[in-house]
Amino acid sequence: MELFDIISNDIKEAMKSKDKVALNTLRNIKKVLLEAKTAPGANNTVSEEAAIKIIQKLVKQGRESAELYASQNRDDLAQEELAQVQVMEKYLPKQLSGDEIKAAVKAIIEEIGATGQQDFGKVMGIASKRLAGKADGRAISATTKELLS
């Protein structure tokens, strides 16, 4: 079953269980996916990879909003954003742990023969593609910097 269809079914379940946070979050995801489907050149389809990237972007925005609210002592709004992020994360692939990211970046460094900070761009390019959807870009970048220095 396609991710779009899964989300549509989960909207029905959220309505039945009267889960307002999940319902609002899932409706927002569906709206964004529908916009992507109807965009010029999309041929009324969204690939699974594109759908996952869209959800990842929404998760990132939610976390950033929560940080901003927390820094302005609006913990009520921060908690609301984090609750929505939790709902969205259910539709993303399992994230790699710090050790798994480190092992993957080490393997890439050895594979291309990187020796120092001058190879940061090469390593990040490959690591970003291979770990897309499985790890946060900041975590990949921090690990790469650590291993190349």
N, C-alpha and C. Protein backbone atom coordinates (compact mmCIF):
# COMPACT_ATOMS: atom_id res chain seq x y z
N MET A 1 0.83 -1.18 0.00
CA MET A 1 0.00 0.00 0.00
C MET A 1 0.88 1.25 0.00
N GLU A 2 0.50 2.23 -0.75
CA GLU A 2 1.25 3.47 -0.90
C GLU A 2 1.13 4.30 0.39
N LEU A 3 2.17 5.08 0.70
CA LEU A 3 2.20 5.91 1.90
C LEU A 3 1.00 6.85 1.96
N PHE A 4 0.62 7.42 0.82
CA PHE A 4 -0.53 8.33 0.74
C PHE A 4 -1.80 7.61 1.20
N ASP A 5 -1.98 6.36 0.75
CA ASP A 5 -3.16 5.59 1.13
C ASP A 5 -3.14 5.21 2.61
N ILE A 6 -1.96 4.91 3.12
CA ILE A 6 -1.81 4.57 4.54
C ILE A 6 -2.22 5.77 5.39
N ILE A 7 -1.76 6.95 4.99
CA ILE A 7 -2.09 8.16 5.74
C ILE A 7 -3.60 8.43 5.67
N SER A 8 -4.19 8.22 4.50
CA SER A 8 -5.65 8.41 4.36
C SER A 8 -6.42 7.47 5.29
N ASN A 9 -5.99 6.22 5.37
CA ASN A 9 -6.64 5.26 6.28
C ASN A 9 -6.43 5.65 7.75
N ASP A 10 -5.23 6.15 8.06
CA ASP A 10 -4.94 6.55 9.43
C ASP A 10 -5.74 7.79 9.84
N ILE A 11 -6.10 8.62 8.86
CA ILE A 11 -6.96 9.77 9.16
C ILE A 11 -8.32 9.27 9.65
N LYS A 12 -8.85 8.24 8.98
CA LYS A 12 -10.13 7.66 9.40
C LYS A 12 -10.03 7.11 10.82
N GLU A 13 -8.92 6.41 11.10
CA GLU A 13 -8.72 5.84 12.43
C GLU A 13 -8.61 6.93 13.49
N ALA A 14 -7.92 8.03 13.15
CA ALA A 14 -7.78 9.14 14.10
C ALA A 14 -9.14 9.79 14.36
N MET A 15 -9.99 9.84 13.33
CA MET A 15 -11.34 10.38 13.52
C MET A 15 -12.14 9.49 14.47
N LYS A 16 -12.05 8.17 14.25
CA LYS A 16 -12.79 7.23 15.09
C LYS A 16 -12.35 7.30 16.55
N SER A 17 -11.03 7.43 16.74
CA SER A 17 -10.49 7.45 18.11
C SER A 17 -10.50 8.86 18.71
N LYS A 18 -10.94 9.85 17.93
CA LYS A 18 -11.01 11.24 18.38
C LYS A 18 -9.66 11.78 18.84
N ASP A 19 -8.60 11.37 18.14
CA ASP A 19 -7.24 11.84 18.43
C ASP A 19 -6.99 13.10 17.61
N LYS A 20 -7.20 14.26 18.23
CA LYS A 20 -7.12 15.53 17.51
C LYS A 20 -5.72 15.84 16.99
N VAL A 21 -4.70 15.54 17.80
CA VAL A 21 -3.32 15.82 17.37
C VAL A 21 -2.98 15.00 16.13
N ALA A 22 -3.25 13.71 16.16
CA ALA A 22 -2.97 12.85 15.01
C ALA A 22 -3.80 13.27 13.82
N LEU A 23 -5.06 13.58 14.04
CA LEU A 23 -5.94 13.97 12.94
C LEU A 23 -5.44 15.22 12.24
N ASN A 24 -5.12 16.26 13.01
CA ASN A 24 -4.63 17.50 12.41
C ASN A 24 -3.30 17.30 11.70
N THR A 25 -2.42 16.53 12.32
CA THR A 25 -1.11 16.27 11.72
C THR A 25 -1.25 15.49 10.42
N LEU A 26 -2.05 14.44 10.43
CA LEU A 26 -2.23 13.61 9.23
C LEU A 26 -2.92 14.39 8.12
N ARG A 27 -3.86 15.23 8.48
CA ARG A 27 -4.51 16.07 7.45
C ARG A 27 -3.50 17.02 6.81
N ASN A 28 -2.60 17.56 7.63
CA ASN A 28 -1.57 18.45 7.10
C ASN A 28 -0.64 17.69 6.15
N ILE A 29 -0.23 16.49 6.54
CA ILE A 29 0.64 15.68 5.68
C ILE A 29 -0.08 15.38 4.36
N LYS A 30 -1.34 14.99 4.45
CA LYS A 30 -2.09 14.66 3.24
C LYS A 30 -2.23 15.87 2.33
N LYS A 31 -2.44 17.05 2.93
CA LYS A 31 -2.57 18.28 2.14
C LYS A 31 -1.27 18.55 1.37
N VAL A 32 -0.14 18.42 2.05
CA VAL A 32 1.15 18.67 1.41
C VAL A 32 1.42 17.64 0.31
N LEU A 33 1.07 16.38 0.57
CA LEU A 33 1.25 15.33 -0.44
C LEU A 33 0.34 15.56 -1.64
N LEU A 34 -0.88 16.01 -1.39
CA LEU A 34 -1.79 16.33 -2.50
C LEU A 34 -1.25 17.48 -3.34
N GLU A 35 -0.70 18.48 -2.68
CA GLU A 35 -0.09 19.59 -3.41
C GLU A 35 1.05 19.10 -4.29
N ALA A 36 1.85 18.18 -3.76
CA ALA A 36 2.97 17.62 -4.54
C ALA A 36 2.45 16.80 -5.71
N LYS A 37 1.35 16.06 -5.49
CA LYS A 37 0.77 15.24 -6.56
C LYS A 37 0.24 16.09 -7.70
N THR A 38 -0.34 17.23 -7.37
CA THR A 38 -0.97 18.07 -8.38
C THR A 38 -0.05 19.15 -8.93
N ALA A 39 1.20 19.15 -8.50
CA ALA A 39 2.17 20.13 -9.01
C ALA A 39 2.41 19.87 -10.49
N PRO A 40 2.73 20.91 -11.24
CA PRO A 40 3.01 20.72 -12.67
C PRO A 40 4.14 19.71 -12.89
N GLY A 41 3.89 18.76 -13.76
CA GLY A 41 4.89 17.74 -14.10
C GLY A 41 4.89 16.54 -13.18
N ALA A 42 4.02 16.50 -12.18
CA ALA A 42 4.00 15.38 -11.23
C ALA A 42 3.17 14.21 -11.75
N ASN A 43 2.39 14.42 -12.79
CA ASN A 43 1.54 13.37 -13.37
C ASN A 43 0.63 12.70 -12.35
N ASN A 44 0.19 13.48 -11.37
CA ASN A 44 -0.74 13.02 -10.34
C ASN A 44 -0.20 11.85 -9.52
N THR A 45 1.11 11.80 -9.35
CA THR A 45 1.72 10.76 -8.51
C THR A 45 2.85 11.37 -7.67
N VAL A 46 3.11 10.73 -6.55
CA VAL A 46 4.25 11.09 -5.70
C VAL A 46 4.94 9.78 -5.35
N SER A 47 6.23 9.69 -5.66
CA SER A 47 6.96 8.46 -5.33
C SER A 47 7.12 8.33 -3.82
N GLU A 48 7.39 7.11 -3.37
CA GLU A 48 7.59 6.87 -1.95
C GLU A 48 8.76 7.71 -1.42
N GLU A 49 9.84 7.80 -2.21
CA GLU A 49 11.02 8.57 -1.79
C GLU A 49 10.65 10.04 -1.63
N ALA A 50 9.88 10.57 -2.58
CA ALA A 50 9.48 11.98 -2.50
C ALA A 50 8.56 12.21 -1.30
N ALA A 51 7.66 11.28 -1.04
CA ALA A 51 6.75 11.41 0.10
C ALA A 51 7.54 11.39 1.41
N ILE A 52 8.53 10.53 1.50
CA ILE A 52 9.35 10.46 2.71
C ILE A 52 10.14 11.75 2.89
N LYS A 53 10.67 12.31 1.79
CA LYS A 53 11.40 13.58 1.88
C LYS A 53 10.48 14.70 2.36
N ILE A 54 9.25 14.69 1.87
CA ILE A 54 8.29 15.72 2.29
C ILE A 54 8.01 15.60 3.79
N ILE A 55 7.81 14.38 4.26
CA ILE A 55 7.53 14.19 5.69
C ILE A 55 8.75 14.56 6.53
N GLN A 56 9.95 14.23 6.03
CA GLN A 56 11.17 14.60 6.75
C GLN A 56 11.27 16.12 6.88
N LYS A 57 10.91 16.81 5.81
CA LYS A 57 10.96 18.27 5.83
C LYS A 57 9.97 18.81 6.86
N LEU A 58 8.77 18.22 6.93
CA LEU A 58 7.78 18.64 7.91
C LEU A 58 8.26 18.37 9.34
N VAL A 59 8.93 17.24 9.54
CA VAL A 59 9.48 16.90 10.87
C VAL A 59 10.54 17.92 11.26
N LYS A 60 11.41 18.25 10.33
CA LYS A 60 12.47 19.23 10.60
C LYS A 60 11.86 20.59 10.95
N GLN A 61 10.85 21.01 10.20
CA GLN A 61 10.19 22.29 10.48
C GLN A 61 9.53 22.26 11.86
N GLY A 62 8.91 21.12 12.20
CA GLY A 62 8.28 20.99 13.50
C GLY A 62 9.27 21.10 14.65
N ARG A 63 10.41 20.44 14.48
CA ARG A 63 11.45 20.50 15.53
C ARG A 63 11.99 21.92 15.69
N GLU A 64 12.23 22.58 14.54
CA GLU A 64 12.74 23.95 14.59
C GLU A 64 11.72 24.88 15.25
N SER A 65 10.46 24.69 14.94
CA SER A 65 9.41 25.51 15.57
C SER A 65 9.37 25.26 17.07
N ALA A 66 9.49 24.00 17.47
CA ALA A 66 9.47 23.65 18.89
C ALA A 66 10.65 24.32 19.62
N GLU A 67 11.82 24.31 18.99
CA GLU A 67 12.99 24.96 19.59
C GLU A 67 12.76 26.46 19.75
N LEU A 68 12.18 27.06 18.73
CA LEU A 68 11.89 28.49 18.77
C LEU A 68 10.89 28.81 19.88
N TYR A 69 9.83 28.03 19.97
CA TYR A 69 8.83 28.24 21.02
C TYR A 69 9.46 28.06 22.40
N ALA A 70 10.29 27.04 22.55
CA ALA A 70 10.93 26.77 23.84
C ALA A 70 11.85 27.93 24.23
N SER A 71 12.57 28.48 23.26
CA SER A 71 13.48 29.60 23.56
C SER A 71 12.71 30.86 23.96
N GLN A 72 11.44 30.93 23.57
CA GLN A 72 10.61 32.07 23.91
C GLN A 72 9.67 31.76 25.09
N ASN A 73 10.01 30.71 25.83
CA ASN A 73 9.25 30.27 27.01
C ASN A 73 7.78 29.99 26.70
N ARG A 74 7.54 29.40 25.53
CA ARG A 74 6.18 28.98 25.15
C ARG A 74 6.16 27.46 25.09
N ASP A 75 6.34 26.83 26.25
CA ASP A 75 6.43 25.38 26.32
C ASP A 75 5.15 24.69 25.86
N ASP A 76 4.00 25.36 26.02
CA ASP A 76 2.74 24.78 25.57
C ASP A 76 2.76 24.56 24.05
N LEU A 77 3.23 25.57 23.31
CA LEU A 77 3.31 25.45 21.85
C LEU A 77 4.42 24.49 21.43
N ALA A 78 5.51 24.49 22.18
CA ALA A 78 6.62 23.57 21.87
C ALA A 78 6.16 22.12 22.01
N GLN A 79 5.41 21.83 23.08
CA GLN A 79 4.91 20.47 23.29
C GLN A 79 3.94 20.05 22.19
N GLU A 80 3.14 20.99 21.74
CA GLU A 80 2.19 20.72 20.65
C GLU A 80 2.94 20.34 19.37
N GLU A 81 3.98 21.11 19.05
CA GLU A 81 4.79 20.81 17.85
C GLU A 81 5.46 19.45 17.97
N LEU A 82 6.02 19.15 19.15
CA LEU A 82 6.71 17.88 19.34
C LEU A 82 5.74 16.70 19.27
N ALA A 83 4.51 16.90 19.70
CA ALA A 83 3.50 15.84 19.59
C ALA A 83 3.19 15.56 18.11
N GLN A 84 3.14 16.61 17.31
CA GLN A 84 2.91 16.44 15.88
C GLN A 84 4.11 15.74 15.22
N VAL A 85 5.30 16.09 15.66
CA VAL A 85 6.52 15.46 15.12
C VAL A 85 6.49 13.96 15.41
N GLN A 86 6.05 13.59 16.60
CA GLN A 86 5.98 12.16 16.95
C GLN A 86 5.04 11.41 16.02
N VAL A 87 3.91 12.02 15.68
CA VAL A 87 2.96 11.39 14.77
C VAL A 87 3.61 11.22 13.39
N MET A 88 4.31 12.25 12.91
CA MET A 88 4.92 12.20 11.58
C MET A 88 6.04 11.17 11.50
N GLU A 89 6.80 11.02 12.59
CA GLU A 89 7.94 10.10 12.59
C GLU A 89 7.52 8.65 12.38
N LYS A 90 6.28 8.32 12.64
CA LYS A 90 5.80 6.95 12.44
C LYS A 90 5.84 6.55 10.97
N TYR A 91 5.86 7.52 10.08
CA TYR A 91 5.82 7.25 8.64
C TYR A 91 7.20 7.32 7.99
N LEU A 92 8.21 7.52 8.80
CA LEU A 92 9.58 7.59 8.29
C LEU A 92 10.32 6.29 8.57
N PRO A 93 11.34 5.99 7.75
CA PRO A 93 12.14 4.79 8.03
C PRO A 93 12.87 4.94 9.36
N LYS A 94 13.24 3.81 9.95
CA LYS A 94 13.96 3.82 11.22
C LYS A 94 15.25 4.63 11.06
N GLN A 95 15.49 5.52 12.02
CA GLN A 95 16.68 6.36 11.99
C GLN A 95 17.89 5.60 12.54
N LEU A 96 19.06 5.87 11.97
CA LEU A 96 20.29 5.23 12.42
C LEU A 96 20.75 5.83 13.73
N SER A 97 21.41 5.03 14.55
CA SER A 97 21.98 5.53 15.80
C SER A 97 23.29 6.24 15.50
N GLY A 98 23.83 6.92 16.48
CA GLY A 98 25.10 7.62 16.31
C GLY A 98 26.23 6.69 15.89
N ASP A 99 26.25 5.50 16.49
CA ASP A 99 27.30 4.52 16.16
C ASP A 99 27.15 4.01 14.73
N GLU A 100 25.91 3.81 14.30
CA GLU A 100 25.67 3.35 12.93
C GLU A 100 26.07 4.41 11.91
N ILE A 101 25.79 5.67 12.23
CA ILE A 101 26.19 6.77 11.34
C ILE A 101 27.71 6.82 11.26
N LYS A 102 28.36 6.70 12.42
CA LYS A 102 29.82 6.75 12.47
C LYS A 102 30.43 5.63 11.63
N ALA A 103 29.90 4.43 11.73
CA ALA A 103 30.40 3.29 10.97
C ALA A 103 30.22 3.52 9.47
N ALA A 104 29.06 4.05 9.08
CA ALA A 104 28.79 4.29 7.66
C ALA A 104 29.72 5.36 7.10
N VAL A 105 29.93 6.44 7.86
CA VAL A 105 30.82 7.52 7.40
C VAL A 105 32.26 7.02 7.34
N LYS A 106 32.68 6.21 8.32
CA LYS A 106 34.04 5.64 8.29
C LYS A 106 34.25 4.81 7.03
N ALA A 107 33.25 4.01 6.69
CA ALA A 107 33.34 3.17 5.49
C ALA A 107 33.47 4.03 4.24
N ILE A 108 32.74 5.13 4.17
CA ILE A 108 32.81 6.03 3.01
C ILE A 108 34.18 6.69 2.95
N ILE A 109 34.70 7.12 4.10
CA ILE A 109 36.02 7.75 4.14
C ILE A 109 37.08 6.79 3.62
N GLU A 110 37.03 5.53 4.07
CA GLU A 110 37.99 4.53 3.62
C GLU A 110 37.82 4.24 2.13
N GLU A 111 36.58 4.18 1.69
CA GLU A 111 36.27 3.86 0.31
C GLU A 111 36.85 4.88 -0.67
N ILE A 112 36.73 6.18 -0.33
CA ILE A 112 37.22 7.20 -1.26
C ILE A 112 38.62 7.69 -0.91
N GLY A 113 39.17 7.21 0.18
CA GLY A 113 40.53 7.56 0.56
C GLY A 113 40.65 8.99 1.08
N ALA A 114 39.65 9.48 1.77
CA ALA A 114 39.68 10.83 2.33
C ALA A 114 40.72 10.90 3.44
N THR A 115 41.45 12.02 3.49
CA THR A 115 42.52 12.14 4.47
C THR A 115 42.36 13.32 5.42
N GLY A 116 41.55 14.29 5.08
CA GLY A 116 41.43 15.45 5.97
C GLY A 116 40.22 16.31 5.61
N GLN A 117 40.19 17.50 6.22
CA GLN A 117 39.06 18.41 6.03
C GLN A 117 38.84 18.81 4.57
N GLN A 118 39.89 18.77 3.75
CA GLN A 118 39.74 19.14 2.35
C GLN A 118 38.82 18.17 1.59
N ASP A 119 38.61 16.99 2.15
CA ASP A 119 37.74 15.98 1.52
C ASP A 119 36.33 15.97 2.10
N PHE A 120 36.03 16.96 2.95
CA PHE A 120 34.73 17.01 3.61
C PHE A 120 33.57 16.99 2.61
N GLY A 121 33.66 17.80 1.57
CA GLY A 121 32.59 17.89 0.57
C GLY A 121 32.34 16.57 -0.14
N LYS A 122 33.41 15.89 -0.50
CA LYS A 122 33.28 14.59 -1.18
C LYS A 122 32.56 13.58 -0.28
N VAL A 123 33.02 13.50 0.97
CA VAL A 123 32.44 12.54 1.91
C VAL A 123 30.98 12.88 2.17
N MET A 124 30.68 14.15 2.39
CA MET A 124 29.30 14.56 2.69
C MET A 124 28.38 14.28 1.51
N GLY A 125 28.87 14.48 0.29
CA GLY A 125 28.04 14.22 -0.88
C GLY A 125 27.59 12.77 -0.95
N ILE A 126 28.53 11.87 -0.75
CA ILE A 126 28.23 10.44 -0.80
C ILE A 126 27.39 10.03 0.42
N ALA A 127 27.80 10.50 1.60
CA ALA A 127 27.09 10.13 2.84
C ALA A 127 25.65 10.62 2.81
N SER A 128 25.43 11.82 2.32
CA SER A 128 24.07 12.36 2.27
C SER A 128 23.17 11.51 1.38
N LYS A 129 23.72 11.05 0.27
CA LYS A 129 22.92 10.22 -0.64
C LYS A 129 22.65 8.84 -0.03
N ARG A 130 23.68 8.22 0.52
CA ARG A 130 23.52 6.87 1.05
C ARG A 130 22.66 6.81 2.31
N LEU A 131 22.74 7.85 3.12
CA LEU A 131 22.03 7.84 4.39
C LEU A 131 20.75 8.66 4.35
N ALA A 132 20.34 9.07 3.15
CA ALA A 132 19.13 9.88 3.00
C ALA A 132 17.94 9.15 3.60
N GLY A 133 17.21 9.85 4.45
CA GLY A 133 16.04 9.27 5.07
C GLY A 133 16.33 8.43 6.30
N LYS A 134 17.60 8.08 6.49
CA LYS A 134 17.96 7.23 7.62
C LYS A 134 18.67 8.00 8.72
N ALA A 135 19.18 9.20 8.38
CA ALA A 135 19.91 9.99 9.37
C ALA A 135 19.74 11.47 9.07
N ASP A 136 19.80 12.27 10.12
CA ASP A 136 19.69 13.71 10.00
C ASP A 136 20.98 14.28 9.40
N GLY A 137 20.84 15.26 8.54
CA GLY A 137 22.00 15.87 7.88
C GLY A 137 22.99 16.46 8.86
N ARG A 138 22.48 17.06 9.94
CA ARG A 138 23.38 17.64 10.95
C ARG A 138 24.23 16.57 11.61
N ALA A 139 23.61 15.43 11.89
CA ALA A 139 24.35 14.34 12.54
C ALA A 139 25.42 13.79 11.60
N ILE A 140 25.08 13.67 10.32
CA ILE A 140 26.06 13.20 9.33
C ILE A 140 27.22 14.18 9.24
N SER A 141 26.91 15.47 9.18
CA SER A 141 27.93 16.51 9.07
C SER A 141 28.85 16.52 10.29
N ALA A 142 28.27 16.46 11.48
CA ALA A 142 29.06 16.47 12.70
C ALA A 142 29.98 15.26 12.78
N THR A 143 29.47 14.10 12.41
CA THR A 143 30.25 12.87 12.44
C THR A 143 31.39 12.94 11.43
N THR A 144 31.08 13.46 10.24
CA THR A 144 32.10 13.58 9.19
C THR A 144 33.21 14.52 9.64
N LYS A 145 32.87 15.67 10.21
CA LYS A 145 33.87 16.62 10.69
C LYS A 145 34.76 15.97 11.75
N GLU A 146 34.11 15.25 12.66
CA GLU A 146 34.84 14.60 13.75
C GLU A 146 35.84 13.58 13.20
N LEU A 147 35.40 12.77 12.24
CA LEU A 147 36.26 11.71 11.73
C LEU A 147 37.36 12.22 10.81
N LEU A 148 37.14 13.36 10.15
CA LEU A 148 38.16 13.89 9.25
C LEU A 148 39.18 14.75 9.96
N SER A 149 38.92 15.13 11.21
CA SER A 149 39.91 16.00 11.91
C SER A 149 40.86 15.21 12.76
